[in-house]
Every structure is written in C-alpha cells, then in structure tokens.
Amino acid sequence: MKLSELGKTIRKFRIDAGVNQRQMAEELGVTNSYLSMIEKGDKDASQRFTGKMESYFESKGIHVGSSLNEAYMKSIKVLKIDLQGKSPEVIKMLFTIINEAEMYVTSKWEECAIPLKKGE
C-alpha cells in the first residue's frame, strides 16, 4: 500500500497521539472508512478537514507545525474552485492562470531549471 504524503503524516501523528484510526475518526465526527481512505490516499481531504485534524492533534499534545498543511499541498490531486457567482472576467482570469501554470510546469520546465555547477 502506497500512502500519500498526507496519509503518512496523519498516520505518524495518530500513532504519536496513541489513538487508533477508529478512535480518531469518532472524535473527529467522521467514519472510520473515510479516515482510512484519506490515510491510504484513496480520497483527498479538504483543507478544512486538514485544519480540523491539525487542531485534533494539537489537543492531544502533538505539535504539528506546518507539517500537515505541507503534506496536504503535496498530496492534493484535485483543486476545486467555486466559480458560482463569479464574474466572467474573474473566471477568464483564473483559467488563464491555470493554463499558464500548466505550460510552465510541462513545456517550460527544462528552460526554467537552473543548472548547478559542480560542487554547488
């Protein structure tokens, strides 16, 4: 089983807190299967739920710092943007930003990489 970065981080903090998955799920008000899917990387957690887990671990005396948020950013597969009520100009601007980012990452990556000299 290959865990997502977020899944690995949650599991580590959960074990550090001394709780099993069922206990944690119950205390967070979610099903055990939902938490299991997040840990395994089969389901993306929302940013709100990630924040809820952060508070949960902090309440258990586990200092998470920015670890959960960083793991969330590395693990996210789908970015959802609520466009309801947004003007056509804002929607067009968002699509332009997304398209530019995709071009940067896919076709421009080689050009953007900074070559390091030996020893750096």
PDB file of N, CA and C in Angstrom:
ATOM      1  N   MET A   1       0.849  -1.177   0.000  1.00  0.00           N
ATOM      2  CA  MET A   1       0.000   0.000   0.000  1.00  0.00           C
ATOM      3  C   MET A   1       0.897   1.244   0.000  1.00  0.00           C
ATOM      4  N   LYS A   2       0.693   2.104  -0.975  1.00  0.00           N
ATOM      5  CA  LYS A   2       1.476   3.332  -1.082  1.00  0.00           C
ATOM      6  C   LYS A   2       0.658   4.492  -0.514  1.00  0.00           C
ATOM      7  N   LEU A   3       1.113   5.023   0.579  1.00  0.00           N
ATOM      8  CA  LEU A   3       0.404   6.120   1.231  1.00  0.00           C
ATOM      9  C   LEU A   3       0.773   7.447   0.587  1.00  0.00           C
ATOM     10  N   SER A   4      -0.183   8.360   0.592  1.00  0.00           N
ATOM     11  CA  SER A   4       0.102   9.719   0.142  1.00  0.00           C
ATOM     12  C   SER A   4       0.945  10.403   1.213  1.00  0.00           C
ATOM     13  N   GLU A   5       1.517  11.520   0.856  1.00  0.00           N
ATOM     14  CA  GLU A   5       2.307  12.286   1.827  1.00  0.00           C
ATOM     15  C   GLU A   5       1.431  12.671   3.023  1.00  0.00           C
ATOM     16  N   LEU A   6       0.204  13.084   2.741  1.00  0.00           N
ATOM     17  CA  LEU A   6      -0.721  13.435   3.829  1.00  0.00           C
ATOM     18  C   LEU A   6      -1.045  12.212   4.659  1.00  0.00           C
ATOM     19  N   GLY A   7      -1.280  11.077   4.000  1.00  0.00           N
ATOM     20  CA  GLY A   7      -1.590   9.845   4.714  1.00  0.00           C
ATOM     21  C   GLY A   7      -0.472   9.434   5.662  1.00  0.00           C
ATOM     22  N   LYS A   8       0.769   9.516   5.194  1.00  0.00           N
ATOM     23  CA  LYS A   8       1.923   9.183   6.041  1.00  0.00           C
ATOM     24  C   LYS A   8       1.984  10.100   7.257  1.00  0.00           C
ATOM     25  N   THR A   9       1.737  11.380   7.020  1.00  0.00           N
ATOM     26  CA  THR A   9       1.820  12.370   8.096  1.00  0.00           C
ATOM     27  C   THR A   9       0.715  12.143   9.120  1.00  0.00           C
ATOM     28  N   ILE A  10      -0.505  11.905   8.641  1.00  0.00           N
ATOM     29  CA  ILE A  10      -1.623  11.647   9.556  1.00  0.00           C
ATOM     30  C   ILE A  10      -1.339  10.404  10.385  1.00  0.00           C
ATOM     31  N   ARG A  11      -0.915   9.338   9.726  1.00  0.00           N
ATOM     32  CA  ARG A  11      -0.645   8.089  10.435  1.00  0.00           C
ATOM     33  C   ARG A  11       0.420   8.292  11.512  1.00  0.00           C
ATOM     34  N   LYS A  12       1.496   9.002  11.165  1.00  0.00           N
ATOM     35  CA  LYS A  12       2.560   9.242  12.146  1.00  0.00           C
ATOM     36  C   LYS A  12       2.021   9.996  13.354  1.00  0.00           C
ATOM     37  N   PHE A  13       1.299  11.079  13.113  1.00  0.00           N
ATOM     38  CA  PHE A  13       0.774  11.868  14.223  1.00  0.00           C
ATOM     39  C   PHE A  13      -0.265  11.080  15.021  1.00  0.00           C
ATOM     40  N   ARG A  14      -1.057  10.266  14.343  1.00  0.00           N
ATOM     41  CA  ARG A  14      -2.077   9.470  15.038  1.00  0.00           C
ATOM     42  C   ARG A  14      -1.410   8.466  15.974  1.00  0.00           C
ATOM     43  N   ILE A  15      -0.364   7.816  15.471  1.00  0.00           N
ATOM     44  CA  ILE A  15       0.368   6.862  16.309  1.00  0.00           C
ATOM     45  C   ILE A  15       1.056   7.582  17.460  1.00  0.00           C
ATOM     46  N   ASP A  16       1.652   8.754  17.161  1.00  0.00           N
ATOM     47  CA  ASP A  16       2.283   9.553  18.219  1.00  0.00           C
ATOM     48  C   ASP A  16       1.268   9.953  19.296  1.00  0.00           C
ATOM     49  N   ALA A  17       0.020  10.179  18.885  1.00  0.00           N
ATOM     50  CA  ALA A  17      -1.038  10.577  19.826  1.00  0.00           C
ATOM     51  C   ALA A  17      -1.570   9.375  20.607  1.00  0.00           C
ATOM     52  N   GLY A  18      -1.202   8.163  20.173  1.00  0.00           N
ATOM     53  CA  GLY A  18      -1.626   6.957  20.884  1.00  0.00           C
ATOM     54  C   GLY A  18      -3.085   6.590  20.657  1.00  0.00           C
ATOM     55  N   VAL A  19      -3.620   6.945  19.493  1.00  0.00           N
ATOM     56  CA  VAL A  19      -5.006   6.598  19.187  1.00  0.00           C
ATOM     57  C   VAL A  19      -5.054   5.744  17.928  1.00  0.00           C
ATOM     58  N   ASN A  20      -6.069   4.882  17.863  1.00  0.00           N
ATOM     59  CA  ASN A  20      -6.227   4.112  16.635  1.00  0.00           C
ATOM     60  C   ASN A  20      -7.130   4.891  15.682  1.00  0.00           C
ATOM     61  N   GLN A  21      -7.231   4.373  14.486  1.00  0.00           N
ATOM     62  CA  GLN A  21      -7.985   5.065  13.448  1.00  0.00           C
ATOM     63  C   GLN A  21      -9.457   5.241  13.830  1.00  0.00           C
ATOM     64  N   ARG A  22     -10.036   4.202  14.416  1.00  0.00           N
ATOM     65  CA  ARG A  22     -11.448   4.257  14.803  1.00  0.00           C
ATOM     66  C   ARG A  22     -11.691   5.348  15.847  1.00  0.00           C
ATOM     67  N   GLN A  23     -10.810   5.425  16.847  1.00  0.00           N
ATOM     68  CA  GLN A  23     -10.942   6.448  17.894  1.00  0.00           C
ATOM     69  C   GLN A  23     -10.845   7.847  17.305  1.00  0.00           C
ATOM     70  N   MET A  24      -9.852   8.032  16.449  1.00  0.00           N
ATOM     71  CA  MET A  24      -9.655   9.344  15.851  1.00  0.00           C
ATOM     72  C   MET A  24     -10.856   9.742  15.001  1.00  0.00           C
ATOM     73  N   ALA A  25     -11.334   8.810  14.183  1.00  0.00           N
ATOM     74  CA  ALA A  25     -12.486   9.093  13.331  1.00  0.00           C
ATOM     75  C   ALA A  25     -13.695   9.486  14.173  1.00  0.00           C
ATOM     76  N   GLU A  26     -13.928   8.738  15.231  1.00  0.00           N
ATOM     77  CA  GLU A  26     -15.070   9.021  16.112  1.00  0.00           C
ATOM     78  C   GLU A  26     -14.953  10.411  16.732  1.00  0.00           C
ATOM     79  N   GLU A  27     -13.771  10.737  17.218  1.00  0.00           N
ATOM     80  CA  GLU A  27     -13.562  12.047  17.850  1.00  0.00           C
ATOM     81  C   GLU A  27     -13.662  13.200  16.857  1.00  0.00           C
ATOM     82  N   LEU A  28     -13.356  12.924  15.583  1.00  0.00           N
ATOM     83  CA  LEU A  28     -13.460  13.961  14.549  1.00  0.00           C
ATOM     84  C   LEU A  28     -14.857  14.016  13.928  1.00  0.00           C
ATOM     85  N   GLY A  29     -15.694  13.041  14.262  1.00  0.00           N
ATOM     86  CA  GLY A  29     -17.051  13.030  13.738  1.00  0.00           C
ATOM     87  C   GLY A  29     -17.161  12.541  12.305  1.00  0.00           C
ATOM     88  N   VAL A  30     -16.245  11.658  11.897  1.00  0.00           N
ATOM     89  CA  VAL A  30     -16.286  11.068  10.555  1.00  0.00           C
ATOM     90  C   VAL A  30     -16.270   9.555  10.706  1.00  0.00           C
ATOM     91  N   THR A  31     -16.533   8.855   9.611  1.00  0.00           N
ATOM     92  CA  THR A  31     -16.484   7.394   9.664  1.00  0.00           C
ATOM     93  C   THR A  31     -15.041   6.918   9.604  1.00  0.00           C
ATOM     94  N   ASN A  32     -14.850   5.712  10.139  1.00  0.00           N
ATOM     95  CA  ASN A  32     -13.530   5.102  10.093  1.00  0.00           C
ATOM     96  C   ASN A  32     -13.093   4.889   8.638  1.00  0.00           C
ATOM     97  N   SER A  33     -14.044   4.516   7.767  1.00  0.00           N
ATOM     98  CA  SER A  33     -13.680   4.270   6.365  1.00  0.00           C
ATOM     99  C   SER A  33     -13.239   5.564   5.678  1.00  0.00           C
ATOM    100  N   TYR A  34     -13.866   6.687   6.022  1.00  0.00           N
ATOM    101  CA  TYR A  34     -13.471   7.983   5.441  1.00  0.00           C
ATOM    102  C   TYR A  34     -12.034   8.317   5.831  1.00  0.00           C
ATOM    103  N   LEU A  35     -11.723   8.181   7.121  1.00  0.00           N
ATOM    104  CA  LEU A  35     -10.370   8.482   7.589  1.00  0.00           C
ATOM    105  C   LEU A  35      -9.367   7.506   6.978  1.00  0.00           C
ATOM    106  N   SER A  36      -9.754   6.241   6.859  1.00  0.00           N
ATOM    107  CA  SER A  36      -8.884   5.244   6.245  1.00  0.00           C
ATOM    108  C   SER A  36      -8.580   5.597   4.793  1.00  0.00           C
ATOM    109  N   MET A  37      -9.596   6.017   4.046  1.00  0.00           N
ATOM    110  CA  MET A  37      -9.389   6.390   2.637  1.00  0.00           C
ATOM    111  C   MET A  37      -8.441   7.579   2.524  1.00  0.00           C
ATOM    112  N   ILE A  38      -8.544   8.526   3.445  1.00  0.00           N
ATOM    113  CA  ILE A  38      -7.635   9.684   3.432  1.00  0.00           C
ATOM    114  C   ILE A  38      -6.216   9.223   3.744  1.00  0.00           C
ATOM    115  N   GLU A  39      -6.070   8.390   4.774  1.00  0.00           N
ATOM    116  CA  GLU A  39      -4.736   7.895   5.137  1.00  0.00           C
ATOM    117  C   GLU A  39      -4.101   7.112   3.993  1.00  0.00           C
ATOM    118  N   LYS A  40      -4.892   6.310   3.286  1.00  0.00           N
ATOM    119  CA  LYS A  40      -4.359   5.499   2.196  1.00  0.00           C
ATOM    120  C   LYS A  40      -4.152   6.294   0.912  1.00  0.00           C
ATOM    121  N   GLY A  41      -4.677   7.496   0.869  1.00  0.00           N
ATOM    122  CA  GLY A  41      -4.534   8.306  -0.332  1.00  0.00           C
ATOM    123  C   GLY A  41      -5.593   8.015  -1.376  1.00  0.00           C
ATOM    124  N   ASP A  42      -6.637   7.272  -0.981  1.00  0.00           N
ATOM    125  CA  ASP A  42      -7.727   6.966  -1.906  1.00  0.00           C
ATOM    126  C   ASP A  42      -8.720   8.114  -2.018  1.00  0.00           C
ATOM    127  N   LYS A  43      -8.664   9.028  -1.077  1.00  0.00           N
ATOM    128  CA  LYS A  43      -9.575  10.180  -1.058  1.00  0.00           C
ATOM    129  C   LYS A  43      -8.787  11.404  -0.611  1.00  0.00           C
ATOM    130  N   ASP A  44      -9.047  12.513  -1.261  1.00  0.00           N
ATOM    131  CA  ASP A  44      -8.417  13.772  -0.840  1.00  0.00           C
ATOM    132  C   ASP A  44      -9.167  14.338   0.351  1.00  0.00           C
ATOM    133  N   ALA A  45      -8.433  14.848   1.307  1.00  0.00           N
ATOM    134  CA  ALA A  45      -9.044  15.559   2.423  1.00  0.00           C
ATOM    135  C   ALA A  45      -9.250  17.004   1.982  1.00  0.00           C
ATOM    136  N   SER A  46     -10.267  17.630   2.511  1.00  0.00           N
ATOM    137  CA  SER A  46     -10.443  19.060   2.240  1.00  0.00           C
ATOM    138  C   SER A  46      -9.464  19.828   3.107  1.00  0.00           C
ATOM    139  N   GLN A  47      -9.219  21.055   2.728  1.00  0.00           N
ATOM    140  CA  GLN A  47      -8.336  21.883   3.538  1.00  0.00           C
ATOM    141  C   GLN A  47      -8.962  22.138   4.906  1.00  0.00           C
ATOM    142  N   ARG A  48     -10.283  22.249   4.928  1.00  0.00           N
ATOM    143  CA  ARG A  48     -10.993  22.450   6.203  1.00  0.00           C
ATOM    144  C   ARG A  48     -10.795  21.240   7.120  1.00  0.00           C
ATOM    145  N   PHE A  49     -10.920  20.027   6.555  1.00  0.00           N
ATOM    146  CA  PHE A  49     -10.749  18.825   7.373  1.00  0.00           C
ATOM    147  C   PHE A  49      -9.297  18.677   7.817  1.00  0.00           C
ATOM    148  N   THR A  50      -8.361  19.068   6.968  1.00  0.00           N
ATOM    149  CA  THR A  50      -6.946  19.037   7.353  1.00  0.00           C
ATOM    150  C   THR A  50      -6.720  19.954   8.554  1.00  0.00           C
ATOM    151  N   GLY A  51      -7.360  21.127   8.540  1.00  0.00           N
ATOM    152  CA  GLY A  51      -7.273  22.037   9.679  1.00  0.00           C
ATOM    153  C   GLY A  51      -7.896  21.445  10.936  1.00  0.00           C
ATOM    154  N   LYS A  52      -8.985  20.712  10.749  1.00  0.00           N
ATOM    155  CA  LYS A  52      -9.647  20.054  11.879  1.00  0.00           C
ATOM    156  C   LYS A  52      -8.732  18.987  12.481  1.00  0.00           C
ATOM    157  N   MET A  53      -8.028  18.246  11.612  1.00  0.00           N
ATOM    158  CA  MET A  53      -7.081  17.241  12.112  1.00  0.00           C
ATOM    159  C   MET A  53      -5.916  17.906  12.840  1.00  0.00           C
ATOM    160  N   GLU A  54      -5.475  19.031  12.324  1.00  0.00           N
ATOM    161  CA  GLU A  54      -4.387  19.765  12.980  1.00  0.00           C
ATOM    162  C   GLU A  54      -4.793  20.146  14.402  1.00  0.00           C
ATOM    163  N   SER A  55      -5.989  20.692  14.552  1.00  0.00           N
ATOM    164  CA  SER A  55      -6.494  21.052  15.886  1.00  0.00           C
ATOM    165  C   SER A  55      -6.619  19.817  16.770  1.00  0.00           C
ATOM    166  N   TYR A  56      -7.067  18.730  16.180  1.00  0.00           N
ATOM    167  CA  TYR A  56      -7.214  17.472  16.918  1.00  0.00           C
ATOM    168  C   TYR A  56      -5.863  17.027  17.491  1.00  0.00           C
ATOM    169  N   PHE A  57      -4.839  16.988  16.641  1.00  0.00           N
ATOM    170  CA  PHE A  57      -3.527  16.547  17.104  1.00  0.00           C
ATOM    171  C   PHE A  57      -2.961  17.500  18.155  1.00  0.00           C
ATOM    172  N   GLU A  58      -3.150  18.788  17.944  1.00  0.00           N
ATOM    173  CA  GLU A  58      -2.676  19.768  18.925  1.00  0.00           C
ATOM    174  C   GLU A  58      -3.351  19.532  20.276  1.00  0.00           C
ATOM    175  N   SER A  59      -4.656  19.179  20.255  1.00  0.00           N
ATOM    176  CA  SER A  59      -5.377  18.919  21.506  1.00  0.00           C
ATOM    177  C   SER A  59      -4.848  17.674  22.209  1.00  0.00           C
ATOM    178  N   LYS A  60      -4.187  16.810  21.455  1.00  0.00           N
ATOM    179  CA  LYS A  60      -3.590  15.593  22.019  1.00  0.00           C
ATOM    180  C   LYS A  60      -2.136  15.818  22.428  1.00  0.00           C
ATOM    181  N   GLY A  61      -1.680  17.067  22.320  1.00  0.00           N
ATOM    182  CA  GLY A  61      -0.309  17.395  22.714  1.00  0.00           C
ATOM    183  C   GLY A  61       0.725  17.129  21.635  1.00  0.00           C
ATOM    184  N   ILE A  62       0.269  16.928  20.396  1.00  0.00           N
ATOM    185  CA  ILE A  62       1.189  16.674  19.283  1.00  0.00           C
ATOM    186  C   ILE A  62       1.353  17.980  18.512  1.00  0.00           C
ATOM    187  N   HIS A  63       2.558  18.518  18.540  1.00  0.00           N
ATOM    188  CA  HIS A  63       2.822  19.767  17.811  1.00  0.00           C
ATOM    189  C   HIS A  63       3.058  19.418  16.346  1.00  0.00           C
ATOM    190  N   VAL A  64       2.164  19.890  15.483  1.00  0.00           N
ATOM    191  CA  VAL A  64       2.277  19.540  14.064  1.00  0.00           C
ATOM    192  C   VAL A  64       2.920  20.641  13.234  1.00  0.00           C
ATOM    193  N   GLY A  65       2.977  21.854  13.755  1.00  0.00           N
ATOM    194  CA  GLY A  65       3.554  22.959  12.993  1.00  0.00           C
ATOM    195  C   GLY A  65       2.870  23.086  11.644  1.00  0.00           C
ATOM    196  N   SER A  66       3.656  23.195  10.591  1.00  0.00           N
ATOM    197  CA  SER A  66       3.089  23.311   9.247  1.00  0.00           C
ATOM    198  C   SER A  66       3.112  21.968   8.506  1.00  0.00           C
ATOM    199  N   SER A  67       3.474  20.897   9.216  1.00  0.00           N
ATOM    200  CA  SER A  67       3.640  19.581   8.581  1.00  0.00           C
ATOM    201  C   SER A  67       2.394  19.092   7.860  1.00  0.00           C
ATOM    202  N   LEU A  68       1.235  19.195   8.502  1.00  0.00           N
ATOM    203  CA  LEU A  68       0.005  18.704   7.875  1.00  0.00           C
ATOM    204  C   LEU A  68      -0.338  19.515   6.638  1.00  0.00           C
ATOM    205  N   ASN A  69      -0.229  20.825   6.737  1.00  0.00           N
ATOM    206  CA  ASN A  69      -0.553  21.671   5.587  1.00  0.00           C
ATOM    207  C   ASN A  69       0.396  21.404   4.423  1.00  0.00           C
ATOM    208  N   GLU A  70       1.679  21.242   4.713  1.00  0.00           N
ATOM    209  CA  GLU A  70       2.650  20.948   3.662  1.00  0.00           C
ATOM    210  C   GLU A  70       2.362  19.591   3.018  1.00  0.00           C
ATOM    211  N   ALA A  71       2.022  18.599   3.837  1.00  0.00           N
ATOM    212  CA  ALA A  71       1.683  17.276   3.307  1.00  0.00           C
ATOM    213  C   ALA A  71       0.411  17.345   2.473  1.00  0.00           C
ATOM    214  N   TYR A  72      -0.545  18.152   2.916  1.00  0.00           N
ATOM    215  CA  TYR A  72      -1.789  18.343   2.160  1.00  0.00           C
ATOM    216  C   TYR A  72      -1.485  18.900   0.773  1.00  0.00           C
ATOM    217  N   MET A  73      -0.620  19.906   0.717  1.00  0.00           N
ATOM    218  CA  MET A  73      -0.287  20.534  -0.566  1.00  0.00           C
ATOM    219  C   MET A  73       0.425  19.551  -1.497  1.00  0.00           C
ATOM    220  N   LYS A  74       1.236  18.659  -0.952  1.00  0.00           N
ATOM    221  CA  LYS A  74       1.936  17.672  -1.774  1.00  0.00           C
ATOM    222  C   LYS A  74       1.009  16.561  -2.249  1.00  0.00           C
ATOM    223  N   SER A  75      -0.060  16.313  -1.505  1.00  0.00           N
ATOM    224  CA  SER A  75      -0.938  15.179  -1.786  1.00  0.00           C
ATOM    225  C   SER A  75      -2.158  15.520  -2.618  1.00  0.00           C
ATOM    226  N   ILE A  76      -2.492  16.779  -2.704  1.00  0.00           N
ATOM    227  CA  ILE A  76      -3.739  17.162  -3.367  1.00  0.00           C
ATOM    228  C   ILE A  76      -3.709  16.755  -4.836  1.00  0.00           C
ATOM    229  N   LYS A  77      -4.793  16.124  -5.281  1.00  0.00           N
ATOM    230  CA  LYS A  77      -4.896  15.669  -6.666  1.00  0.00           C
ATOM    231  C   LYS A  77      -5.858  16.538  -7.459  1.00  0.00           C
ATOM    232  N   VAL A  78      -6.825  17.098  -6.769  1.00  0.00           N
ATOM    233  CA  VAL A  78      -7.864  17.886  -7.427  1.00  0.00           C
ATOM    234  C   VAL A  78      -8.007  19.205  -6.683  1.00  0.00           C
ATOM    235  N   LEU A  79      -7.973  20.281  -7.425  1.00  0.00           N
ATOM    236  CA  LEU A  79      -8.191  21.601  -6.850  1.00  0.00           C
ATOM    237  C   LEU A  79      -9.583  22.054  -7.254  1.00  0.00           C
ATOM    238  N   LYS A  80     -10.425  22.260  -6.267  1.00  0.00           N
ATOM    239  CA  LYS A  80     -11.794  22.679  -6.551  1.00  0.00           C
ATOM    240  C   LYS A  80     -11.921  24.174  -6.295  1.00  0.00           C
ATOM    241  N   ILE A  81     -12.461  24.876  -7.266  1.00  0.00           N
ATOM    242  CA  ILE A  81     -12.668  26.316  -7.146  1.00  0.00           C
ATOM    243  C   ILE A  81     -14.145  26.589  -7.396  1.00  0.00           C
ATOM    244  N   ASP A  82     -14.792  27.188  -6.436  1.00  0.00           N
ATOM    245  CA  ASP A  82     -16.208  27.516  -6.576  1.00  0.00           C
ATOM    246  C   ASP A  82     -16.327  28.774  -7.430  1.00  0.00           C
ATOM    247  N   LEU A  83     -16.854  28.607  -8.633  1.00  0.00           N
ATOM    248  CA  LEU A  83     -16.986  29.724  -9.562  1.00  0.00           C
ATOM    249  C   LEU A  83     -18.381  30.346  -9.539  1.00  0.00           C
ATOM    250  N   GLN A  84     -19.253  29.778  -8.713  1.00  0.00           N
ATOM    251  CA  GLN A  84     -20.619  30.293  -8.646  1.00  0.00           C
ATOM    252  C   GLN A  84     -20.604  31.751  -8.184  1.00  0.00           C
ATOM    253  N   GLY A  85     -21.273  32.581  -8.966  1.00  0.00           N
ATOM    254  CA  GLY A  85     -21.377  33.994  -8.621  1.00  0.00           C
ATOM    255  C   GLY A  85     -20.182  34.837  -9.041  1.00  0.00           C
ATOM    256  N   LYS A  86     -19.182  34.199  -9.635  1.00  0.00           N
ATOM    257  CA  LYS A  86     -18.005  34.952 -10.083  1.00  0.00           C
ATOM    258  C   LYS A  86     -18.294  35.560 -11.450  1.00  0.00           C
ATOM    259  N   SER A  87     -17.711  36.704 -11.674  1.00  0.00           N
ATOM    260  CA  SER A  87     -17.925  37.385 -12.956  1.00  0.00           C
ATOM    261  C   SER A  87     -17.177  36.648 -14.070  1.00  0.00           C
ATOM    262  N   PRO A  88     -17.617  36.829 -15.315  1.00  0.00           N
ATOM    263  CA  PRO A  88     -16.901  36.212 -16.440  1.00  0.00           C
ATOM    264  C   PRO A  88     -15.434  36.631 -16.490  1.00  0.00           C
ATOM    265  N   GLU A  89     -15.135  37.853 -16.077  1.00  0.00           N
ATOM    266  CA  GLU A  89     -13.749  38.329 -16.092  1.00  0.00           C
ATOM    267  C   GLU A  89     -12.893  37.550 -15.098  1.00  0.00           C
ATOM    268  N   VAL A  90     -13.440  37.308 -13.921  1.00  0.00           N
ATOM    269  CA  VAL A  90     -12.698  36.556 -12.896  1.00  0.00           C
ATOM    270  C   VAL A  90     -12.483  35.126 -13.360  1.00  0.00           C
ATOM    271  N   ILE A  91     -13.511  34.513 -13.932  1.00  0.00           N
ATOM    272  CA  ILE A  91     -13.399  33.136 -14.424  1.00  0.00           C
ATOM    273  C   ILE A  91     -12.341  33.051 -15.520  1.00  0.00           C
ATOM    274  N   LYS A  92     -12.367  34.002 -16.445  1.00  0.00           N
ATOM    275  CA  LYS A  92     -11.380  34.017 -17.527  1.00  0.00           C
ATOM    276  C   LYS A  92      -9.969  34.175 -16.954  1.00  0.00           C
ATOM    277  N   MET A  93      -9.817  35.053 -15.968  1.00  0.00           N
ATOM    278  CA  MET A  93      -8.519  35.266 -15.350  1.00  0.00           C
ATOM    279  C   MET A  93      -8.023  33.981 -14.681  1.00  0.00           C
ATOM    280  N   LEU A  94      -8.891  33.252 -13.971  1.00  0.00           N
ATOM    281  CA  LEU A  94      -8.498  32.013 -13.319  1.00  0.00           C
ATOM    282  C   LEU A  94      -8.050  30.967 -14.335  1.00  0.00           C
ATOM    283  N   PHE A  95      -8.807  30.839 -15.435  1.00  0.00           N
ATOM    284  CA  PHE A  95      -8.422  29.876 -16.464  1.00  0.00           C
ATOM    285  C   PHE A  95      -7.090  30.257 -17.099  1.00  0.00           C
ATOM    286  N   THR A  96      -6.850  31.531 -17.280  1.00  0.00           N
ATOM    287  CA  THR A  96      -5.574  31.985 -17.831  1.00  0.00           C
ATOM    288  C   THR A  96      -4.429  31.614 -16.891  1.00  0.00           C
ATOM    289  N   ILE A  97      -4.626  31.834 -15.612  1.00  0.00           N
ATOM    290  CA  ILE A  97      -3.595  31.499 -14.620  1.00  0.00           C
ATOM    291  C   ILE A  97      -3.318  30.000 -14.630  1.00  0.00           C
ATOM    292  N   ILE A  98      -4.379  29.197 -14.667  1.00  0.00           N
ATOM    293  CA  ILE A  98      -4.214  27.749 -14.680  1.00  0.00           C
ATOM    294  C   ILE A  98      -3.483  27.298 -15.935  1.00  0.00           C
ATOM    295  N   ASN A  99      -3.870  27.835 -17.079  1.00  0.00           N
ATOM    296  CA  ASN A  99      -3.207  27.459 -18.334  1.00  0.00           C
ATOM    297  C   ASN A  99      -1.736  27.856 -18.331  1.00  0.00           C
ATOM    298  N   GLU A 100      -1.439  29.040 -17.833  1.00  0.00           N
ATOM    299  CA  GLU A 100      -0.040  29.487 -17.763  1.00  0.00           C
ATOM    300  C   GLU A 100       0.768  28.592 -16.835  1.00  0.00           C
ATOM    301  N   ALA A 101       0.179  28.207 -15.719  1.00  0.00           N
ATOM    302  CA  ALA A 101       0.877  27.332 -14.771  1.00  0.00           C
ATOM    303  C   ALA A 101       1.150  25.972 -15.400  1.00  0.00           C
ATOM    304  N   GLU A 102       0.168  25.424 -16.110  1.00  0.00           N
ATOM    305  CA  GLU A 102       0.368  24.137 -16.780  1.00  0.00           C
ATOM    306  C   GLU A 102       1.480  24.217 -17.817  1.00  0.00           C
ATOM    307  N   MET A 103       1.500  25.290 -18.603  1.00  0.00           N
ATOM    308  CA  MET A 103       2.555  25.466 -19.605  1.00  0.00           C
ATOM    309  C   MET A 103       3.914  25.568 -18.926  1.00  0.00           C
ATOM    310  N   TYR A 104       3.976  26.313 -17.849  1.00  0.00           N
ATOM    311  CA  TYR A 104       5.227  26.491 -17.122  1.00  0.00           C
ATOM    312  C   TYR A 104       5.763  25.152 -16.638  1.00  0.00           C
ATOM    313  N   VAL A 105       4.880  24.363 -16.041  1.00  0.00           N
ATOM    314  CA  VAL A 105       5.306  23.091 -15.467  1.00  0.00           C
ATOM    315  C   VAL A 105       5.645  22.072 -16.544  1.00  0.00           C
ATOM    316  N   THR A 106       4.846  21.989 -17.597  1.00  0.00           N
ATOM    317  CA  THR A 106       5.064  20.936 -18.590  1.00  0.00           C
ATOM    318  C   THR A 106       6.086  21.306 -19.657  1.00  0.00           C
ATOM    319  N   SER A 107       5.853  22.371 -20.380  1.00  0.00           N
ATOM    320  CA  SER A 107       6.715  22.641 -21.530  1.00  0.00           C
ATOM    321  C   SER A 107       7.893  23.542 -21.219  1.00  0.00           C
ATOM    322  N   LYS A 108       7.839  24.296 -20.189  1.00  0.00           N
ATOM    323  CA  LYS A 108       8.912  25.247 -19.904  1.00  0.00           C
ATOM    324  C   LYS A 108       9.860  24.752 -18.813  1.00  0.00           C
ATOM    325  N   TRP A 109       9.594  23.592 -18.255  1.00  0.00           N
ATOM    326  CA  TRP A 109      10.377  23.136 -17.121  1.00  0.00           C
ATOM    327  C   TRP A 109      11.867  23.092 -17.422  1.00  0.00           C
ATOM    328  N   GLU A 110      12.234  22.535 -18.560  1.00  0.00           N
ATOM    329  CA  GLU A 110      13.649  22.431 -18.925  1.00  0.00           C
ATOM    330  C   GLU A 110      14.299  23.807 -18.995  1.00  0.00           C
ATOM    331  N   GLU A 111      13.581  24.770 -19.550  1.00  0.00           N
ATOM    332  CA  GLU A 111      14.134  26.120 -19.679  1.00  0.00           C
ATOM    333  C   GLU A 111      14.283  26.803 -18.324  1.00  0.00           C
ATOM    334  N   CYS A 112      13.431  26.413 -17.376  1.00  0.00           N
ATOM    335  CA  CYS A 112      13.415  27.098 -16.087  1.00  0.00           C
ATOM    336  C   CYS A 112      14.388  26.499 -15.083  1.00  0.00           C
ATOM    337  N   ALA A 113      14.799  25.270 -15.324  1.00  0.00           N
ATOM    338  CA  ALA A 113      15.706  24.629 -14.385  1.00  0.00           C
ATOM    339  C   ALA A 113      17.021  25.400 -14.364  1.00  0.00           C
ATOM    340  N   ILE A 114      17.530  25.644 -13.186  1.00  0.00           N
ATOM    341  CA  ILE A 114      18.779  26.379 -13.039  1.00  0.00           C
ATOM    342  C   ILE A 114      19.912  25.362 -12.921  1.00  0.00           C
ATOM    343  N   PRO A 115      20.778  25.321 -13.927  1.00  0.00           N
ATOM    344  CA  PRO A 115      21.870  24.340 -13.859  1.00  0.00           C
ATOM    345  C   PRO A 115      22.857  24.709 -12.743  1.00  0.00           C
ATOM    346  N   LEU A 116      23.218  23.717 -11.981  1.00  0.00           N
ATOM    347  CA  LEU A 116      24.204  23.954 -10.909  1.00  0.00           C
ATOM    348  C   LEU A 116      25.582  23.543 -11.382  1.00  0.00           C
ATOM    349  N   LYS A 117      26.548  24.292 -10.958  1.00  0.00           N
ATOM    350  CA  LYS A 117      27.929  23.948 -11.277  1.00  0.00           C
ATOM    351  C   LYS A 117      28.371  22.866 -10.290  1.00  0.00           C
ATOM    352  N   LYS A 118      29.322  22.082 -10.715  1.00  0.00           N
ATOM    353  CA  LYS A 118      29.841  21.013  -9.875  1.00  0.00           C
ATOM    354  C   LYS A 118      30.304  21.596  -8.541  1.00  0.00           C
ATOM    355  N   GLY A 119      29.908  20.947  -7.461  1.00  0.00           N
ATOM    356  CA  GLY A 119      30.318  21.394  -6.134  1.00  0.00           C
ATOM    357  C   GLY A 119      29.318  22.314  -5.472  1.00  0.00           C
ATOM    358  N   GLU A 120      28.258  22.752  -6.184  1.00  0.00           N
ATOM    359  CA  GLU A 120      27.286  23.648  -5.561  1.00  0.00           C
ATOM    360  C   GLU A 120      26.171  22.841  -4.940  1.00  0.00           C
TER     361      GLU A 120
END
